[in-house]
Protein backbone atom coordinates (compact mmCIF):
# COMPACT_ATOMS: atom_id res chain seq x y z
CA MET A 1 -20.71 6.82 1.22
CA VAL A 2 -17.69 8.39 1.92
CA THR A 3 -16.17 6.38 -0.75
CA PHE A 4 -18.82 7.23 -3.09
CA ILE A 5 -18.60 10.64 -2.85
CA ALA A 6 -14.43 10.72 -2.54
CA THR A 7 -14.52 8.56 -5.83
CA ILE A 8 -16.99 11.16 -8.03
CA PHE A 9 -14.89 14.00 -6.71
CA VAL A 10 -11.41 12.44 -7.73
CA PHE A 11 -12.44 11.30 -11.08
CA SER A 12 -14.61 14.25 -11.80
CA LEU A 13 -11.75 16.62 -11.37
CA VAL A 14 -8.87 14.32 -12.87
CA ILE A 15 -11.18 14.21 -16.13
CA LEU A 16 -12.50 17.99 -15.75
CA ILE A 17 -9.30 19.45 -15.68
CA HIS A 18 -8.16 17.01 -18.90
CA GLU A 19 -11.10 17.81 -20.67
CA PHE A 20 -10.59 21.54 -19.83
CA GLY A 21 -7.39 21.70 -21.23
CA HIS A 22 -8.67 20.47 -24.89
CA TYR A 23 -12.06 22.80 -24.66
CA LYS A 24 -9.91 25.62 -23.90
CA VAL A 25 -6.94 25.58 -26.57
CA ALA A 26 -9.36 24.49 -28.97
CA GLN A 27 -11.65 27.66 -28.39
CA SER A 28 -8.37 29.91 -28.42
CA VAL A 29 -7.64 28.76 -31.67
CA GLY A 30 -11.21 29.16 -33.02
CA ILE A 31 -12.34 25.88 -33.23
CA LYS A 32 -16.17 25.32 -32.40
CA ILE A 33 -16.90 22.84 -29.81
CA GLU A 34 -20.37 20.83 -30.22
CA GLU A 35 -20.19 19.07 -26.68
CA PHE A 36 -18.23 19.36 -23.45
CA ALA A 37 -18.95 16.06 -21.38
CA ILE A 38 -18.11 14.81 -18.30
CA GLY A 39 -18.58 11.17 -17.97
CA MET A 40 -19.65 8.51 -20.59
CA GLY A 41 -23.06 6.95 -21.06
CA PRO A 42 -26.51 8.24 -20.76
CA ILE A 43 -26.80 12.13 -19.98
CA ILE A 44 -28.22 13.08 -17.08
CA TYR A 45 -27.89 17.00 -17.22
CA LYS A 46 -27.02 19.19 -20.05
CA LYS A 47 -26.82 22.69 -20.76
CA ILE A 48 -26.63 24.76 -24.37
CA LYS A 49 -24.97 27.80 -24.49
CA ASN A 50 -23.37 29.61 -27.43
CA GLU A 51 -24.12 26.28 -29.47
CA THR A 52 -22.19 24.34 -27.09
CA VAL A 53 -23.89 21.35 -25.47
CA TYR A 54 -22.38 20.96 -21.90
CA SER A 55 -23.49 17.69 -20.81
CA ILE A 56 -22.47 15.56 -17.56
CA ARG A 57 -23.29 11.79 -18.05
CA LEU A 58 -23.76 8.73 -16.06
CA LEU A 59 -20.49 6.81 -15.55
CA PRO A 60 -17.89 9.02 -14.44
CA ILE A 61 -14.94 7.07 -16.13
CA GLY A 62 -14.04 9.30 -18.89
CA GLY A 63 -15.56 12.34 -20.74
CA PHE A 64 -14.98 14.11 -24.00
CA VAL A 65 -14.83 17.35 -26.12
CA ARG A 66 -16.77 16.88 -29.46
CA MET A 67 -15.25 19.34 -31.91
CA GLU A 68 -16.43 20.26 -35.15
CA GLY A 69 -14.83 18.25 -37.67
CA GLU A 70 -12.95 16.33 -35.92
CA GLU A 71 -14.66 12.81 -36.75
CA GLU A 72 -15.84 13.94 -40.28
CA ASP A 73 -14.50 16.51 -43.25
CA VAL A 74 -16.05 19.47 -42.27
CA GLN A 75 -14.86 22.40 -44.29
CA SER A 76 -15.30 25.31 -42.37
CA SER A 77 -12.97 28.33 -40.47
CA THR A 78 -14.01 26.83 -36.89
CA SER A 79 -13.55 23.14 -38.08
CA TYR A 80 -10.89 21.14 -36.35
CA ASN A 81 -9.63 19.83 -39.56
CA CYS A 82 -9.28 23.02 -41.06
CA LYS A 83 -6.48 24.20 -38.48
CA THR A 84 -2.72 23.98 -39.22
CA VAL A 85 -1.02 20.89 -37.85
CA TRP A 86 0.46 23.11 -34.92
CA GLN A 87 -2.95 24.27 -33.75
CA ARG A 88 -4.19 20.82 -33.77
CA PHE A 89 -1.22 19.31 -31.78
CA LYS A 90 -1.88 22.02 -29.03
CA VAL A 91 -5.55 21.16 -28.60
CA ILE A 92 -4.50 17.36 -28.59
CA ALA A 93 -1.68 17.88 -26.02
CA ALA A 94 -3.37 20.31 -23.83
CA GLY A 95 -5.28 17.80 -21.82
CA PRO A 96 -2.35 15.55 -20.79
CA ILE A 97 -0.15 18.93 -19.94
CA MET A 98 -3.57 19.91 -17.77
CA ASN A 99 -3.66 16.53 -15.76
CA PHE A 100 0.58 17.67 -14.95
CA VAL A 101 -0.09 21.25 -14.07
CA LEU A 102 -3.21 19.99 -11.38
CA ALA A 103 -0.65 17.83 -10.01
CA ILE A 104 1.92 20.80 -9.51
CA ILE A 105 -0.65 22.93 -7.98
CA ILE A 106 -1.84 20.06 -5.64
CA PHE A 107 1.55 19.51 -4.71
CA ILE A 108 2.22 23.29 -4.12
CA ILE A 109 -0.86 23.55 -1.90
CA ILE A 110 0.09 20.27 0.19
CA SER A 111 3.75 21.59 0.49
CA PHE A 112 2.43 25.00 2.02
CA GLY A 113 0.25 23.19 4.17
CA PHE A 114 3.12 20.52 5.74
CA GLY A 115 6.37 21.55 3.83
CA VAL A 116 8.53 19.39 1.97
CA LEU A 117 10.48 16.47 2.99
CA GLY A 118 13.89 16.91 1.70
CA ASN A 119 17.60 15.06 1.59
CA THR A 120 18.96 16.20 4.67
CA VAL A 121 18.91 13.93 7.59
CA ASN A 122 16.92 14.59 10.53
CA GLN A 123 16.52 11.68 13.36
CA MET A 124 18.36 8.51 13.15
CA ASP A 125 17.97 5.21 14.76
CA GLU A 126 21.56 4.44 15.81
CA ASN A 127 20.98 0.66 15.63
CA SER A 128 20.38 1.18 11.90
CA GLU A 129 22.84 0.27 9.14
CA ILE A 130 23.34 3.76 7.62
CA TYR A 131 24.09 5.07 11.09
CA LYS A 132 26.97 2.26 11.85
CA ALA A 133 28.37 3.28 8.31
CA GLY A 134 28.96 6.81 9.62
CA ILE A 135 26.31 8.84 8.17
CA ARG A 136 24.75 11.54 10.62
CA PRO A 137 22.13 14.01 11.18
CA ASN A 138 22.21 17.10 9.27
CA ASP A 139 24.30 15.09 6.52
CA LYS A 140 22.68 15.99 3.02
CA ILE A 141 21.99 13.14 0.94
CA VAL A 142 23.23 13.63 -2.78
CA SER A 143 23.18 10.25 -4.42
CA ILE A 144 22.31 6.54 -3.96
CA ASN A 145 24.03 4.10 -6.02
CA GLY A 146 24.77 6.60 -8.49
CA ASP A 147 21.08 7.90 -8.43
CA LYS A 148 20.63 11.75 -7.57
CA VAL A 149 18.31 12.49 -4.78
CA TYR A 150 16.34 15.98 -3.82
CA ILE A 151 13.47 14.72 -1.82
CA TRP A 152 11.65 12.16 0.56
CA ASP A 153 10.24 10.38 -2.06
CA GLU A 154 13.34 9.65 -3.72
CA ILE A 155 15.00 8.45 -0.90
CA ILE A 156 12.34 5.92 -0.22
CA TYR A 157 12.26 4.56 -3.78
CA ASP A 158 16.04 4.11 -4.11
CA LEU A 159 16.25 2.45 -0.55
CA LEU A 160 13.11 0.62 -0.62
CA GLU A 161 11.72 -0.28 -3.97
CA LYS A 162 14.71 -0.76 -6.13
CA THR A 163 16.75 -2.78 -3.76
CA SER A 164 13.39 -4.89 -2.81
CA GLU A 165 14.76 -8.23 -4.84
CA ASN A 166 18.30 -7.94 -3.70
CA LEU A 167 18.65 -7.17 0.20
CA GLU A 168 22.38 -8.32 0.46
CA THR A 169 23.64 -6.05 -1.81
CA PRO A 170 25.65 -2.77 -0.25
CA LEU A 171 24.44 0.86 -0.91
CA ASP A 172 26.70 3.28 -2.20
CA ILE A 173 25.55 6.76 -0.66
CA LYS A 174 26.88 10.15 -1.04
CA VAL A 175 26.26 13.13 1.23
CA GLU A 176 27.46 16.84 1.61
CA ARG A 177 28.71 17.60 5.45
CA ASP A 178 30.12 21.10 6.05
CA LYS A 179 30.57 21.42 2.09
CA GLU A 180 32.54 18.61 1.72
CA THR A 181 31.50 15.34 -0.08
CA LEU A 182 31.47 12.17 1.53
CA ASP A 183 31.05 8.50 0.15
CA PHE A 184 29.65 5.74 2.01
CA ARG A 185 29.12 2.15 1.67
CA VAL A 186 25.97 1.03 3.65
CA ASN A 187 24.62 -2.36 4.09
CA GLN A 188 20.66 -2.78 4.10
CA TYR A 189 18.95 -2.47 7.21
CA THR A 190 16.13 -4.80 7.09
CA ARG A 191 13.41 -6.29 9.20
CA ASN A 192 11.11 -9.37 9.22
CA ILE A 193 7.22 -8.87 8.43
CA ILE A 194 4.68 -11.27 8.07
CA GLY A 195 1.88 -9.20 6.56
CA ILE A 196 -0.79 -8.60 9.65
CA TYR A 197 -2.17 -5.72 10.81
CA SER A 198 -3.95 -4.28 14.20
CA LYS A 199 -7.62 -4.74 14.41
CA SER A 200 -7.27 -2.11 17.04
CA GLU A 201 -6.36 1.42 16.25
CA GLN A 202 -4.57 1.92 19.56
CA PHE A 203 -3.03 -1.49 19.27
CA GLU A 204 -4.07 -2.67 22.62
CA THR A 205 -5.07 -6.04 21.55
CA SER A 206 -3.30 -8.39 19.90
CA ILE A 207 -6.38 -9.23 17.44
CA VAL A 208 -4.61 -9.23 14.00
CA GLU A 209 -6.25 -8.63 10.50
CA THR A 210 -4.58 -10.32 7.23
CA LYS A 211 -5.24 -7.95 4.19
CA ASP A 212 -3.00 -9.47 1.73
CA LYS A 213 -3.53 -13.10 0.33
CA GLN A 214 -0.05 -13.14 -0.50
CA SER A 215 1.40 -12.53 2.76
CA PRO A 216 3.23 -14.93 4.82
CA ALA A 217 0.68 -14.94 7.44
CA TYR A 218 -2.30 -15.81 5.23
CA LYS A 219 -0.38 -18.34 3.30
CA ALA A 220 0.30 -20.12 6.54
CA GLY A 221 -3.29 -20.18 7.67
CA ILE A 222 -3.81 -16.99 9.77
CA ARG A 223 -6.89 -14.94 9.21
CA THR A 224 -8.49 -11.57 10.13
CA ASN A 225 -9.80 -11.59 13.52
CA ASP A 226 -7.23 -14.36 14.92
CA GLU A 227 -6.15 -13.37 18.33
CA ILE A 228 -2.18 -13.93 18.39
CA ILE A 229 -1.33 -14.99 22.13
CA LYS A 230 2.28 -16.67 21.32
CA ILE A 231 5.07 -16.49 19.03
CA ASN A 232 7.61 -19.01 19.32
CA ASN A 233 7.81 -19.01 23.27
CA ILE A 234 7.00 -15.50 23.44
CA ASP A 235 3.77 -14.58 25.53
CA ILE A 236 1.50 -12.20 23.50
CA SER A 237 -0.79 -9.40 24.95
CA ASN A 238 -0.85 -6.61 22.13
CA PHE A 239 0.07 -5.52 19.12
CA GLU A 240 3.38 -4.04 19.92
CA ASP A 241 4.47 -7.45 21.34
CA ILE A 242 3.72 -9.01 18.27
CA ARG A 243 6.20 -6.30 16.21
CA LEU A 244 8.88 -6.78 19.00
CA ALA A 245 8.66 -10.46 18.97
CA ILE A 246 9.26 -10.76 15.01
CA ASN A 247 11.94 -8.50 15.27
CA ALA A 248 13.65 -9.70 18.22
CA LEU A 249 13.43 -13.43 17.39
CA ASN A 250 15.07 -12.55 13.24
CA GLU A 251 14.21 -16.32 12.64
CA ASP A 252 13.52 -17.84 9.29
CA LYS A 253 10.57 -19.61 10.74
CA LEU A 254 8.34 -18.55 13.40
CA ASN A 255 5.75 -21.04 15.39
CA ILE A 256 2.55 -18.55 16.11
CA THR A 257 -0.20 -19.63 18.05
CA VAL A 258 -3.68 -18.14 17.88
CA LYS A 259 -6.99 -17.94 19.26
CA ARG A 260 -9.95 -18.51 16.83
CA ASP A 261 -13.40 -19.47 17.91
CA GLY A 262 -12.09 -20.40 21.46
CA GLN A 263 -9.63 -22.83 20.01
CA GLU A 264 -5.67 -22.79 19.91
CA LEU A 265 -4.49 -23.13 16.45
CA LYS A 266 -0.51 -23.05 15.78
CA PHE A 267 0.98 -22.16 12.28
CA GLU A 268 4.21 -22.11 10.93
CA VAL A 269 5.18 -18.77 9.24
CA VAL A 270 8.06 -18.03 7.12
CA PRO A 271 8.69 -14.10 7.68
CA LYS A 272 9.37 -12.00 4.55
CA LYS A 273 12.74 -9.79 4.82
CA VAL A 274 12.01 -6.36 3.43
CA ALA A 275 14.40 -3.15 3.69
CA GLN A 276 13.71 -0.16 6.09
CA LEU A 277 15.14 3.24 6.44
CA GLY A 278 16.13 3.83 10.10
CA PHE A 279 16.12 7.80 9.51
CA ASN A 280 13.91 10.54 8.36
CA THR A 281 14.89 14.01 6.66
CA HIS A 282 14.15 17.78 7.72
CA VAL A 283 10.94 19.42 6.44
CA GLU A 284 11.78 22.68 4.22
CA LYS A 285 9.04 25.29 4.13
CA SER A 286 10.47 27.81 1.86
CA PHE A 287 8.47 29.06 -0.78
CA ILE A 288 10.95 28.38 -3.51
CA THR A 289 11.58 24.96 -2.01
CA THR A 290 8.31 24.60 -2.15
CA VAL A 291 7.39 25.37 -5.73
CA ALA A 292 10.35 24.10 -6.82
CA SER A 293 10.04 20.34 -5.52
CA SER A 294 6.35 20.25 -6.49
CA PHE A 295 7.57 20.77 -10.08
CA TYR A 296 10.37 18.29 -9.35
CA LYS A 297 7.91 15.67 -7.94
CA THR A 298 5.93 16.04 -10.62
CA GLY A 299 8.57 15.18 -13.01
CA TYR A 300 9.80 12.53 -10.57
CA TYR A 301 6.27 10.63 -10.54
CA ILE A 302 6.67 10.67 -14.61
CA ARG A 303 9.90 9.13 -14.75
CA LEU A 304 8.70 6.42 -12.54
CA MET A 305 5.70 5.72 -15.08
CA PHE A 306 8.44 5.49 -17.58
CA GLU A 307 10.36 2.98 -15.68
CA PHE A 308 7.09 1.01 -15.06
CA ILE A 309 6.47 0.99 -18.72
CA GLY A 310 10.04 -0.35 -19.38
CA ASN A 311 9.63 -3.18 -16.53
CA LEU A 312 5.97 -4.09 -17.73
CA PHE A 313 7.42 -4.86 -21.34
CA GLY A 314 10.67 -6.57 -19.96
CA GLY A 315 8.46 -8.69 -17.85
CA HIS A 316 9.66 -7.51 -14.53
CA VAL A 317 6.33 -6.25 -13.11
CA LYS A 318 4.86 -8.33 -10.54
CA GLU A 319 1.29 -9.66 -10.72
CA GLY A 320 -0.85 -7.45 -8.80
CA SER A 321 1.15 -4.44 -9.81
CA VAL A 322 -1.62 -3.49 -12.12
CA GLY A 323 -5.11 -2.44 -11.13
CA GLY A 324 -8.55 -1.67 -12.62
CA PRO A 325 -11.31 0.76 -11.46
CA ILE A 326 -12.33 -1.23 -8.62
CA GLN A 327 -8.72 -1.18 -7.24
CA ILE A 328 -8.66 2.52 -7.68
CA VAL A 329 -11.94 3.10 -6.01
CA SER A 330 -10.65 1.23 -3.14
CA MET A 331 -7.66 2.93 -3.21
CA ILE A 332 -10.04 6.26 -3.40
CA GLY A 333 -11.79 4.89 -0.27
CA GLU A 334 -9.19 3.92 2.31
CA THR A 335 -6.98 7.25 1.37
CA SER A 336 -10.40 9.36 2.06
CA LYS A 337 -10.44 8.12 5.33
CA LEU A 338 -6.96 9.73 6.36
CA GLY A 339 -8.09 13.31 5.49
CA ILE A 340 -8.00 16.01 2.67
CA TYR A 341 -4.20 15.96 2.27
CA PRO A 342 -3.81 12.26 1.96
CA LEU A 343 -6.77 12.05 -0.84
CA LEU A 344 -5.44 15.36 -2.58
CA ASN A 345 -1.97 13.88 -3.21
CA LEU A 346 -3.70 10.76 -4.56
CA VAL A 347 -5.72 12.85 -6.74
CA ALA A 348 -2.48 14.19 -7.98
CA LEU A 349 -0.86 10.77 -8.71
CA LEU A 350 -4.07 9.77 -10.51
CA SER A 351 -3.79 12.93 -12.54
CA ILE A 352 -0.15 12.27 -13.49
CA ASN A 353 -1.10 8.80 -14.40
CA LEU A 354 -4.08 10.04 -16.52
CA GLY A 355 -1.86 12.47 -18.38
CA PHE A 356 1.04 10.13 -18.93
CA PHE A 357 -1.35 7.14 -19.92
CA ASN A 358 -3.04 9.59 -22.52
CA LEU A 359 0.06 10.36 -24.07
CA LEU A 360 1.08 6.63 -24.82
CA PRO A 361 0.98 6.25 -28.58
CA ILE A 362 -2.15 3.97 -28.21
CA PRO A 363 -4.76 4.15 -30.65
CA ALA A 364 -7.88 6.35 -29.28
CA LEU A 365 -5.57 7.93 -26.73
CA ASP A 366 -4.02 11.57 -27.20
CA GLY A 367 -0.96 10.24 -27.88
CA SER A 368 -1.65 8.09 -31.36
CA LYS A 369 -3.39 11.25 -32.26
CA LEU A 370 -0.34 13.19 -31.56
CA VAL A 371 1.34 10.71 -33.78
CA PHE A 372 -0.76 10.73 -36.66
CA LEU A 373 -0.41 14.84 -36.70
CA ILE A 374 3.36 14.02 -36.58
CA ILE A 375 3.08 11.81 -39.64
CA GLU A 376 0.90 14.20 -41.58
CA LYS A 377 3.54 16.83 -40.84
CA ILE A 378 6.44 14.93 -42.22
CA ARG A 379 4.20 13.62 -45.12
CA GLY A 380 2.88 16.81 -46.24
CA LYS A 381 -0.70 15.79 -46.23
CA LYS A 382 -3.74 14.75 -44.05
CA ILE A 383 -4.25 11.14 -43.30
CA PRO A 384 -7.82 10.51 -44.44
CA ILE A 385 -10.11 10.70 -41.39
CA GLU A 386 -11.78 7.37 -42.22
CA LYS A 387 -8.65 5.42 -41.89
CA GLU A 388 -7.68 7.47 -38.67
CA GLY A 389 -11.01 6.99 -37.29
CA PHE A 390 -10.78 3.29 -37.93
CA VAL A 391 -7.43 3.13 -35.99
CA HIS A 392 -8.82 4.92 -32.94
CA PHE A 393 -12.11 2.77 -33.23
CA VAL A 394 -10.13 -0.36 -32.82
CA GLY A 395 -7.57 0.95 -30.37
CA PHE A 396 -10.79 1.67 -28.25
CA VAL A 397 -12.48 -1.38 -28.44
CA LEU A 398 -8.88 -3.06 -27.27
CA LEU A 399 -9.08 -0.55 -24.38
CA ILE A 400 -12.23 -1.36 -23.34
CA THR A 401 -11.34 -5.16 -23.57
CA LEU A 402 -8.39 -4.47 -21.63
CA MET A 403 -10.35 -2.48 -18.66
CA ILE A 404 -12.89 -5.61 -18.60
CA PHE A 405 -10.17 -7.83 -17.86
CA VAL A 406 -8.08 -6.01 -15.41
CA THR A 407 -11.73 -5.41 -13.48
CA TYR A 408 -11.98 -8.92 -13.45
CA LYS A 409 -8.32 -9.25 -11.82
CA ASP A 410 -9.61 -6.87 -9.14
CA VAL A 411 -12.73 -9.01 -8.51
CA VAL A 412 -10.44 -12.34 -8.36
CA ARG A 413 -8.08 -10.45 -5.80
CA LEU A 414 -11.28 -9.13 -3.58
CA PHE A 415 -12.53 -13.17 -3.38
């Protein structure tokens, strides 16, 4: 029930804000709104006010603003197709822009509540490579491998995500210390993981859960509810013992003994080496930092979306990186258990994704409508509505097909 309520809240909010952007700007330029709908499919509630139908539909997977003259050639002062190119451009662009505005507002709310993790080093693990290289608390990290960093999210991305495929290459980190700029060459700080999680919240038992079917533990044969009792020659009694043993052994192969249904089973597991940080950064709560970082964070995630699109076309995106509705619902359900702030953060990220995706020049999306308007401005005359409508219809069919495909992949991953 919590997942259901959270899902409705998240989808409704990001879609409502998106459509409200179209609606409000269309009103401001004098376009007649025929219907303002949240959701798709059969109408479950509607209200008519000032000749506009306000409706809520059964499926919370979209929404729309139907404007006079948008889909047929209506000659009227309140018709969409009788407005200037710039007026129509503003109407179409307003939806995605409002998604970005929502993200900024949410990040500001979160930042005022918790502060912002910046780029000034706070606590450090003295065994970490970054400490061994000479970086110290209160150093301000300026750049990593030439990429400027301002917030914690960027540090994580540059140190963990970008380096995940090449853990042997040292990092060039530039810091500011006492108004002086210093350069450090830092070896990557790594640890072994096998992809297991504790079944107990307090980590007091060694009963594990294997969520990822691609993890080393799952591939080796370890399953959820197995109780790990030995790793190599080390006896295990709780989850902390497991973590310490894996890190202490630091071997290419681990012999893990588990108890399952009263039987002892042995598995050979090949750990996966991953990067880790070995430090954290100071929390900043000033008004200027809070607001500025919220704008910056939104821009940062938009930049990540551009990088993702580039990697997608370059064939560098791993299988499973693209999820559909089921994966999003699962993500919302898991996040809702963590509290309101993590859920709000997810809303912001999904809102950015929705805004960015809608700006892509894919037929049926806002981005393609903007492209048609740009073409109209360049050629000096309108593209016939029926021709543009056909292009958008084909795009809509392709998008539905894509959604069915990624949903199928979600189901396959579940089972």
